[in-house]
């Protein structure tokens, strides 16, 4: 199984880029993992929020492959404690044949078509974070899950 984090738009804050890349590299010691960036939409001032969601949704759907298991990082998704998330990932490692794709949408969320394409939704918190910060939080939690599954010293009960 390969895990892919699909995001809309580049990470621009240098401190987030450094931290995200650090956790990406650490996680690769345990599992095949990468982050794919969908280009940010240009000239969005004339577009409504729904139109932006539709255009971003089209780009997201084009990035998906046949057989992908799609999980949206969404405020209305299921919440996990870190140990529970690790167990969830472990189950996916036994059931997903190709890619497990986590998606962070744009500033207005996901289009209905993207919601339809998803098998599950996960929420990282009830609080609202910037999309840049959610990237970092997700890659840290994935790394934490891998260390839990491999009895590493990173996570403490």
N, C-alpha and C. Protein backbone atom coordinates (compact mmCIF):
# COMPACT_ATOMS: atom_id res chain seq x y z
N UNK A 1 0.84 -1.19 0.00
CA UNK A 1 0.00 0.00 0.00
C UNK A 1 0.88 1.24 0.00
N UNK A 2 0.44 2.22 -0.73
CA UNK A 2 1.11 3.52 -0.76
C UNK A 2 0.14 4.55 -0.20
N UNK A 3 0.66 5.48 0.60
CA UNK A 3 -0.17 6.56 1.12
C UNK A 3 0.22 7.84 0.40
N UNK A 4 -0.80 8.56 -0.06
CA UNK A 4 -0.59 9.84 -0.73
C UNK A 4 -1.42 10.90 -0.02
N UNK A 5 -0.80 12.04 0.25
CA UNK A 5 -1.52 13.21 0.75
C UNK A 5 -1.66 14.15 -0.43
N UNK A 6 -2.91 14.39 -0.84
CA UNK A 6 -3.21 15.25 -1.98
C UNK A 6 -3.68 16.60 -1.45
N UNK A 7 -2.99 17.66 -1.83
CA UNK A 7 -3.30 19.00 -1.31
C UNK A 7 -3.51 19.98 -2.45
N UNK A 8 -4.30 21.02 -2.18
CA UNK A 8 -4.56 22.06 -3.16
C UNK A 8 -3.67 23.26 -2.85
N UNK A 9 -2.82 23.61 -3.79
CA UNK A 9 -1.94 24.77 -3.63
C UNK A 9 -0.67 24.44 -2.86
N UNK A 10 0.40 25.19 -3.18
CA UNK A 10 1.69 24.97 -2.54
C UNK A 10 1.67 25.44 -1.09
N UNK A 11 2.52 24.82 -0.29
CA UNK A 11 2.78 25.31 1.06
C UNK A 11 3.77 26.45 0.88
N UNK A 12 3.46 27.62 1.46
CA UNK A 12 4.31 28.79 1.23
C UNK A 12 5.15 29.20 2.44
N UNK A 13 4.69 28.90 3.63
CA UNK A 13 5.44 29.29 4.83
C UNK A 13 6.66 28.40 5.00
N UNK A 14 7.86 29.01 5.07
CA UNK A 14 9.10 28.24 5.11
C UNK A 14 9.16 27.28 6.31
N UNK A 15 8.68 27.73 7.46
CA UNK A 15 8.76 26.87 8.65
C UNK A 15 7.84 25.65 8.51
N UNK A 16 6.70 25.81 7.85
CA UNK A 16 5.83 24.66 7.60
C UNK A 16 6.46 23.71 6.59
N UNK A 17 7.05 24.27 5.54
CA UNK A 17 7.70 23.44 4.51
C UNK A 17 8.78 22.57 5.15
N UNK A 18 9.62 23.18 5.99
CA UNK A 18 10.70 22.42 6.62
C UNK A 18 10.15 21.31 7.51
N UNK A 19 9.15 21.62 8.31
CA UNK A 19 8.59 20.62 9.22
C UNK A 19 7.86 19.51 8.46
N UNK A 20 7.09 19.89 7.45
CA UNK A 20 6.37 18.89 6.64
C UNK A 20 7.37 17.95 5.97
N UNK A 21 8.42 18.50 5.37
CA UNK A 21 9.42 17.67 4.70
C UNK A 21 10.13 16.75 5.68
N UNK A 22 10.37 17.23 6.90
CA UNK A 22 11.00 16.41 7.92
C UNK A 22 10.12 15.19 8.23
N UNK A 23 8.83 15.41 8.47
CA UNK A 23 7.94 14.29 8.78
C UNK A 23 7.70 13.38 7.58
N UNK A 24 7.68 13.96 6.37
CA UNK A 24 7.57 13.13 5.16
C UNK A 24 8.73 12.14 5.10
N UNK A 25 9.94 12.64 5.29
CA UNK A 25 11.13 11.77 5.21
C UNK A 25 11.13 10.74 6.34
N UNK A 26 10.76 11.15 7.54
CA UNK A 26 10.72 10.20 8.67
C UNK A 26 9.71 9.09 8.39
N UNK A 27 8.56 9.46 7.85
CA UNK A 27 7.49 8.49 7.61
C UNK A 27 7.89 7.49 6.53
N UNK A 28 8.69 7.94 5.56
CA UNK A 28 9.12 7.05 4.47
C UNK A 28 9.99 5.89 4.96
N UNK A 29 10.50 5.98 6.18
CA UNK A 29 11.26 4.86 6.74
C UNK A 29 10.33 3.69 7.06
N UNK A 30 9.04 3.98 7.19
CA UNK A 30 8.07 2.96 7.57
C UNK A 30 7.15 2.51 6.44
N UNK A 31 6.80 3.45 5.56
CA UNK A 31 5.79 3.14 4.54
C UNK A 31 6.02 4.04 3.33
N UNK A 32 5.54 3.61 2.17
CA UNK A 32 5.62 4.44 0.97
C UNK A 32 4.63 5.61 1.13
N UNK A 33 5.16 6.82 1.12
CA UNK A 33 4.34 8.01 1.40
C UNK A 33 4.85 9.19 0.59
N UNK A 34 3.91 9.92 -0.03
CA UNK A 34 4.29 11.15 -0.70
C UNK A 34 3.16 12.17 -0.63
N UNK A 35 3.50 13.38 -1.00
CA UNK A 35 2.52 14.47 -1.02
C UNK A 35 2.46 14.99 -2.45
N UNK A 36 1.25 15.04 -3.00
CA UNK A 36 1.04 15.59 -4.34
C UNK A 36 0.31 16.92 -4.21
N UNK A 37 0.76 17.90 -4.98
CA UNK A 37 0.18 19.24 -4.94
C UNK A 37 -0.60 19.51 -6.21
N UNK A 38 -1.87 19.85 -6.04
CA UNK A 38 -2.69 20.29 -7.16
C UNK A 38 -2.52 21.81 -7.26
N UNK A 39 -2.22 22.32 -8.44
CA UNK A 39 -2.00 23.78 -8.54
C UNK A 39 -3.21 24.58 -8.06
N UNK A 40 -2.89 25.68 -7.40
CA UNK A 40 -3.94 26.57 -6.92
C UNK A 40 -4.63 27.22 -8.12
N UNK A 41 -5.92 27.45 -8.00
CA UNK A 41 -6.65 28.11 -9.08
C UNK A 41 -6.18 29.54 -9.23
N UNK A 42 -6.16 30.02 -10.46
CA UNK A 42 -5.78 31.41 -10.72
C UNK A 42 -7.03 32.22 -11.08
N UNK A 43 -6.96 33.52 -10.89
CA UNK A 43 -8.06 34.43 -11.24
C UNK A 43 -9.39 33.99 -10.61
N UNK A 44 -9.39 33.81 -9.30
CA UNK A 44 -10.59 33.32 -8.62
C UNK A 44 -11.51 34.44 -8.15
N UNK A 45 -11.10 35.70 -8.31
CA UNK A 45 -11.92 36.81 -7.82
C UNK A 45 -13.31 36.84 -8.45
N UNK A 46 -13.41 36.39 -9.70
CA UNK A 46 -14.70 36.41 -10.40
C UNK A 46 -15.52 35.14 -10.14
N UNK A 47 -14.95 34.19 -9.38
CA UNK A 47 -15.64 32.92 -9.14
C UNK A 47 -16.29 32.91 -7.76
N UNK A 48 -17.47 32.33 -7.67
CA UNK A 48 -18.11 32.15 -6.37
C UNK A 48 -17.40 31.00 -5.64
N UNK A 49 -17.69 30.85 -4.36
CA UNK A 49 -17.11 29.76 -3.57
C UNK A 49 -17.48 28.41 -4.19
N UNK A 50 -18.74 28.27 -4.61
CA UNK A 50 -19.17 27.00 -5.22
C UNK A 50 -18.44 26.73 -6.53
N UNK A 51 -18.23 27.78 -7.33
CA UNK A 51 -17.51 27.60 -8.59
C UNK A 51 -16.05 27.18 -8.33
N UNK A 52 -15.45 27.78 -7.30
CA UNK A 52 -14.08 27.40 -6.95
C UNK A 52 -14.02 25.95 -6.49
N UNK A 53 -14.99 25.54 -5.67
CA UNK A 53 -15.04 24.15 -5.21
C UNK A 53 -15.18 23.20 -6.39
N UNK A 54 -16.02 23.55 -7.37
CA UNK A 54 -16.22 22.70 -8.54
C UNK A 54 -14.92 22.57 -9.35
N UNK A 55 -14.25 23.70 -9.60
CA UNK A 55 -13.01 23.67 -10.38
C UNK A 55 -11.91 22.90 -9.66
N UNK A 56 -11.77 23.14 -8.35
CA UNK A 56 -10.80 22.39 -7.57
C UNK A 56 -11.17 20.90 -7.55
N UNK A 57 -12.46 20.64 -7.42
CA UNK A 57 -12.94 19.26 -7.42
C UNK A 57 -12.58 18.52 -8.69
N UNK A 58 -12.71 19.20 -9.83
CA UNK A 58 -12.33 18.58 -11.11
C UNK A 58 -10.85 18.20 -11.11
N UNK A 59 -10.01 19.10 -10.59
CA UNK A 59 -8.56 18.83 -10.53
C UNK A 59 -8.25 17.69 -9.57
N UNK A 60 -8.95 17.65 -8.45
CA UNK A 60 -8.75 16.57 -7.47
C UNK A 60 -9.13 15.23 -8.11
N UNK A 61 -10.29 15.18 -8.75
CA UNK A 61 -10.75 13.93 -9.35
C UNK A 61 -9.80 13.44 -10.45
N UNK A 62 -9.20 14.38 -11.20
CA UNK A 62 -8.23 14.01 -12.24
C UNK A 62 -6.97 13.40 -11.64
N UNK A 63 -6.64 13.78 -10.41
CA UNK A 63 -5.42 13.28 -9.75
C UNK A 63 -5.61 11.88 -9.17
N UNK A 64 -6.86 11.44 -9.05
CA UNK A 64 -7.13 10.12 -8.49
C UNK A 64 -6.92 9.04 -9.54
N UNK A 65 -6.58 7.84 -9.05
CA UNK A 65 -6.34 6.69 -9.93
C UNK A 65 -7.37 5.61 -9.62
N UNK A 66 -7.58 4.75 -10.58
CA UNK A 66 -8.47 3.62 -10.38
C UNK A 66 -7.97 2.77 -9.22
N UNK A 67 -8.86 2.40 -8.32
CA UNK A 67 -8.49 1.58 -7.18
C UNK A 67 -8.07 2.36 -5.95
N UNK A 68 -7.98 3.69 -6.04
CA UNK A 68 -7.64 4.50 -4.87
C UNK A 68 -8.72 4.39 -3.81
N UNK A 69 -8.30 4.34 -2.56
CA UNK A 69 -9.22 4.48 -1.44
C UNK A 69 -9.05 5.92 -0.97
N UNK A 70 -10.15 6.69 -1.05
CA UNK A 70 -10.09 8.14 -0.84
C UNK A 70 -10.66 8.51 0.53
N UNK A 71 -9.86 9.27 1.28
CA UNK A 71 -10.26 9.73 2.61
C UNK A 71 -10.11 11.25 2.64
N UNK A 72 -11.22 11.93 2.90
CA UNK A 72 -11.19 13.39 2.97
C UNK A 72 -10.86 13.82 4.39
N UNK A 73 -9.98 14.80 4.50
CA UNK A 73 -9.74 15.43 5.79
C UNK A 73 -10.77 16.56 5.86
N UNK A 74 -11.79 16.33 6.69
CA UNK A 74 -13.00 17.15 6.65
C UNK A 74 -13.50 17.37 8.08
N UNK A 75 -13.97 18.57 8.35
CA UNK A 75 -14.41 18.91 9.71
C UNK A 75 -15.56 18.04 10.20
N UNK A 76 -16.29 17.41 9.29
CA UNK A 76 -17.43 16.56 9.69
C UNK A 76 -17.06 15.08 9.73
N UNK A 77 -15.77 14.78 9.62
CA UNK A 77 -15.33 13.40 9.62
C UNK A 77 -15.19 12.80 11.01
N UNK A 78 -14.82 11.54 11.02
CA UNK A 78 -14.62 10.79 12.27
C UNK A 78 -13.35 11.28 12.95
N UNK A 79 -13.42 11.42 14.26
CA UNK A 79 -12.24 11.82 15.03
C UNK A 79 -11.62 10.60 15.69
N UNK A 80 -10.29 10.61 15.77
CA UNK A 80 -9.53 9.53 16.39
C UNK A 80 -8.57 10.08 17.43
N UNK A 81 -8.28 9.28 18.44
CA UNK A 81 -7.09 9.51 19.24
C UNK A 81 -5.93 8.96 18.41
N UNK A 82 -4.71 9.33 18.71
CA UNK A 82 -3.56 8.90 17.91
C UNK A 82 -3.43 7.38 17.85
N UNK A 83 -3.65 6.70 18.96
CA UNK A 83 -3.55 5.24 18.99
C UNK A 83 -4.66 4.62 18.13
N UNK A 84 -5.83 5.20 18.16
CA UNK A 84 -6.94 4.71 17.32
C UNK A 84 -6.64 4.91 15.84
N UNK A 85 -6.06 6.05 15.52
CA UNK A 85 -5.68 6.32 14.13
C UNK A 85 -4.64 5.32 13.66
N UNK A 86 -3.68 4.99 14.53
CA UNK A 86 -2.67 3.99 14.19
C UNK A 86 -3.33 2.64 13.88
N UNK A 87 -4.30 2.24 14.69
CA UNK A 87 -5.01 0.98 14.45
C UNK A 87 -5.78 1.03 13.14
N UNK A 88 -6.39 2.18 12.85
CA UNK A 88 -7.14 2.36 11.61
C UNK A 88 -6.19 2.22 10.41
N UNK A 89 -5.01 2.86 10.49
CA UNK A 89 -4.01 2.76 9.43
C UNK A 89 -3.58 1.30 9.26
N UNK A 90 -3.37 0.61 10.35
CA UNK A 90 -2.95 -0.79 10.28
C UNK A 90 -3.99 -1.64 9.55
N UNK A 91 -5.27 -1.40 9.82
CA UNK A 91 -6.33 -2.14 9.11
C UNK A 91 -6.28 -1.82 7.62
N UNK A 92 -6.06 -0.55 7.29
CA UNK A 92 -5.98 -0.16 5.88
C UNK A 92 -4.80 -0.83 5.19
N UNK A 93 -3.69 -1.02 5.92
CA UNK A 93 -2.51 -1.66 5.34
C UNK A 93 -2.83 -3.10 4.90
N UNK A 94 -3.82 -3.70 5.53
CA UNK A 94 -4.20 -5.08 5.19
C UNK A 94 -5.31 -5.15 4.14
N UNK A 95 -6.00 -4.02 3.90
CA UNK A 95 -7.15 -4.08 3.01
C UNK A 95 -7.01 -3.23 1.74
N UNK A 96 -6.13 -2.24 1.75
CA UNK A 96 -5.98 -1.37 0.58
C UNK A 96 -4.88 -1.95 -0.31
N UNK A 97 -5.24 -2.21 -1.57
CA UNK A 97 -4.29 -2.82 -2.50
C UNK A 97 -3.36 -1.81 -3.16
N UNK A 98 -3.87 -0.62 -3.46
CA UNK A 98 -3.06 0.34 -4.20
C UNK A 98 -2.74 1.55 -3.32
N UNK A 99 -3.45 2.65 -3.56
CA UNK A 99 -3.15 3.87 -2.82
C UNK A 99 -4.25 4.20 -1.82
N UNK A 100 -3.84 4.64 -0.64
CA UNK A 100 -4.72 5.26 0.33
C UNK A 100 -4.46 6.75 0.19
N UNK A 101 -5.45 7.49 -0.29
CA UNK A 101 -5.26 8.90 -0.62
C UNK A 101 -6.04 9.77 0.36
N UNK A 102 -5.31 10.59 1.10
CA UNK A 102 -5.91 11.57 1.99
C UNK A 102 -5.92 12.89 1.24
N UNK A 103 -7.04 13.62 1.32
CA UNK A 103 -7.17 14.87 0.57
C UNK A 103 -7.47 16.03 1.50
N UNK A 104 -6.69 17.10 1.34
CA UNK A 104 -6.98 18.38 2.00
C UNK A 104 -7.46 19.31 0.89
N UNK A 105 -8.68 19.78 1.00
CA UNK A 105 -9.26 20.61 -0.04
C UNK A 105 -8.81 22.06 0.05
N UNK A 106 -9.44 22.87 -0.77
CA UNK A 106 -9.15 24.30 -0.79
C UNK A 106 -9.87 25.03 0.34
N UNK A 107 -9.82 26.34 0.31
CA UNK A 107 -10.38 27.13 1.41
C UNK A 107 -11.89 27.00 1.60
N UNK A 108 -12.61 26.56 0.57
CA UNK A 108 -14.07 26.46 0.69
C UNK A 108 -14.55 25.01 0.85
N UNK A 109 -13.59 24.09 0.96
CA UNK A 109 -14.00 22.70 1.15
C UNK A 109 -14.05 21.94 -0.16
N UNK A 110 -14.87 20.89 -0.18
CA UNK A 110 -14.93 19.98 -1.31
C UNK A 110 -16.21 20.13 -2.11
N UNK A 111 -16.13 19.82 -3.39
CA UNK A 111 -17.31 19.81 -4.25
C UNK A 111 -18.12 18.54 -3.96
N UNK A 112 -19.40 18.53 -4.31
CA UNK A 112 -20.20 17.32 -4.13
C UNK A 112 -19.59 16.10 -4.83
N UNK A 113 -18.96 16.30 -5.98
CA UNK A 113 -18.36 15.18 -6.72
C UNK A 113 -17.20 14.56 -5.95
N UNK A 114 -16.43 15.39 -5.24
CA UNK A 114 -15.32 14.86 -4.44
C UNK A 114 -15.88 14.09 -3.25
N UNK A 115 -16.93 14.63 -2.62
CA UNK A 115 -17.56 13.89 -1.51
C UNK A 115 -18.05 12.53 -1.99
N UNK A 116 -18.60 12.48 -3.19
CA UNK A 116 -19.10 11.20 -3.75
C UNK A 116 -17.97 10.21 -4.01
N UNK A 117 -16.80 10.72 -4.38
CA UNK A 117 -15.67 9.85 -4.70
C UNK A 117 -15.00 9.28 -3.45
N UNK A 118 -15.26 9.88 -2.31
CA UNK A 118 -14.59 9.48 -1.06
C UNK A 118 -15.28 8.30 -0.39
N UNK A 119 -14.47 7.45 0.19
CA UNK A 119 -15.01 6.33 0.97
C UNK A 119 -15.19 6.72 2.44
N UNK A 120 -14.34 7.64 2.93
CA UNK A 120 -14.38 8.02 4.34
C UNK A 120 -13.99 9.48 4.51
N UNK A 121 -14.32 10.00 5.71
CA UNK A 121 -13.92 11.34 6.10
C UNK A 121 -13.32 11.26 7.50
N UNK A 122 -12.23 11.98 7.70
CA UNK A 122 -11.58 12.05 9.01
C UNK A 122 -11.44 13.52 9.38
N UNK A 123 -11.70 13.83 10.64
CA UNK A 123 -11.47 15.16 11.16
C UNK A 123 -10.26 15.11 12.09
N UNK A 124 -9.33 16.04 11.92
CA UNK A 124 -8.16 16.09 12.79
C UNK A 124 -8.43 16.89 14.06
N UNK A 125 -9.51 17.67 14.08
CA UNK A 125 -9.85 18.45 15.26
C UNK A 125 -11.19 19.13 15.03
N UNK A 126 -11.84 19.49 16.12
CA UNK A 126 -13.06 20.29 16.00
C UNK A 126 -12.71 21.75 15.74
N UNK A 127 -11.47 22.10 16.01
CA UNK A 127 -11.01 23.47 15.77
C UNK A 127 -10.70 23.67 14.29
N UNK A 128 -10.66 24.91 13.87
CA UNK A 128 -10.31 25.25 12.50
C UNK A 128 -8.85 25.65 12.45
N UNK A 129 -8.12 25.07 11.49
CA UNK A 129 -6.72 25.41 11.28
C UNK A 129 -6.54 25.84 9.83
N UNK A 130 -5.45 26.56 9.57
CA UNK A 130 -5.14 26.91 8.18
C UNK A 130 -4.82 25.63 7.41
N UNK A 131 -5.01 25.68 6.10
CA UNK A 131 -4.72 24.50 5.28
C UNK A 131 -3.23 24.14 5.35
N UNK A 132 -2.38 25.16 5.51
CA UNK A 132 -0.94 24.90 5.63
C UNK A 132 -0.66 24.13 6.92
N UNK A 133 -1.31 24.53 8.00
CA UNK A 133 -1.08 23.89 9.29
C UNK A 133 -1.63 22.46 9.31
N UNK A 134 -2.78 22.25 8.67
CA UNK A 134 -3.37 20.91 8.63
C UNK A 134 -2.42 19.93 7.95
N UNK A 135 -1.71 20.38 6.94
CA UNK A 135 -0.73 19.52 6.27
C UNK A 135 0.30 19.02 7.27
N UNK A 136 0.82 19.95 8.07
CA UNK A 136 1.81 19.59 9.08
C UNK A 136 1.21 18.67 10.14
N UNK A 137 0.03 18.99 10.62
CA UNK A 137 -0.61 18.16 11.65
C UNK A 137 -0.83 16.75 11.11
N UNK A 138 -1.30 16.64 9.88
CA UNK A 138 -1.55 15.31 9.31
C UNK A 138 -0.27 14.50 9.18
N UNK A 139 0.79 15.08 8.61
CA UNK A 139 2.01 14.29 8.41
C UNK A 139 2.63 13.91 9.75
N UNK A 140 2.49 14.76 10.75
CA UNK A 140 2.99 14.41 12.09
C UNK A 140 2.19 13.25 12.65
N UNK A 141 0.88 13.27 12.51
CA UNK A 141 0.04 12.19 13.03
C UNK A 141 0.27 10.88 12.29
N UNK A 142 0.53 10.95 10.99
CA UNK A 142 0.84 9.74 10.25
C UNK A 142 2.17 9.16 10.73
N UNK A 143 3.16 10.02 10.93
CA UNK A 143 4.44 9.56 11.46
C UNK A 143 4.24 8.94 12.85
N UNK A 144 3.47 9.60 13.68
CA UNK A 144 3.19 9.08 15.02
C UNK A 144 2.52 7.70 14.93
N UNK A 145 1.56 7.56 14.02
CA UNK A 145 0.88 6.27 13.84
C UNK A 145 1.88 5.19 13.46
N UNK A 146 2.80 5.51 12.57
CA UNK A 146 3.79 4.52 12.14
C UNK A 146 4.72 4.13 13.30
N UNK A 147 5.09 5.10 14.13
CA UNK A 147 5.96 4.77 15.26
C UNK A 147 5.19 3.94 16.30
N UNK A 148 3.91 4.21 16.47
CA UNK A 148 3.09 3.40 17.38
C UNK A 148 3.05 1.96 16.88
N UNK A 149 2.79 1.78 15.59
CA UNK A 149 2.70 0.44 15.02
C UNK A 149 4.02 -0.32 15.06
N UNK A 150 5.12 0.42 15.09
CA UNK A 150 6.45 -0.19 15.08
C UNK A 150 7.15 -0.10 16.44
N UNK A 151 6.36 0.20 17.48
CA UNK A 151 6.88 0.28 18.85
C UNK A 151 8.07 1.23 18.99
N UNK A 152 8.00 2.35 18.25
CA UNK A 152 9.07 3.34 18.34
C UNK A 152 8.92 4.19 19.60
N UNK A 153 9.96 4.92 19.95
CA UNK A 153 9.95 5.72 21.18
C UNK A 153 9.25 7.08 21.05
N UNK A 154 8.76 7.41 19.87
CA UNK A 154 8.21 8.75 19.63
C UNK A 154 6.94 9.03 20.43
N UNK A 155 6.04 8.06 20.50
CA UNK A 155 4.74 8.25 21.16
C UNK A 155 4.78 7.68 22.57
N UNK A 156 4.25 8.46 23.51
CA UNK A 156 4.19 8.01 24.91
C UNK A 156 2.74 7.99 25.36
N UNK A 157 2.37 6.94 26.07
CA UNK A 157 1.00 6.85 26.62
C UNK A 157 0.89 7.68 27.87
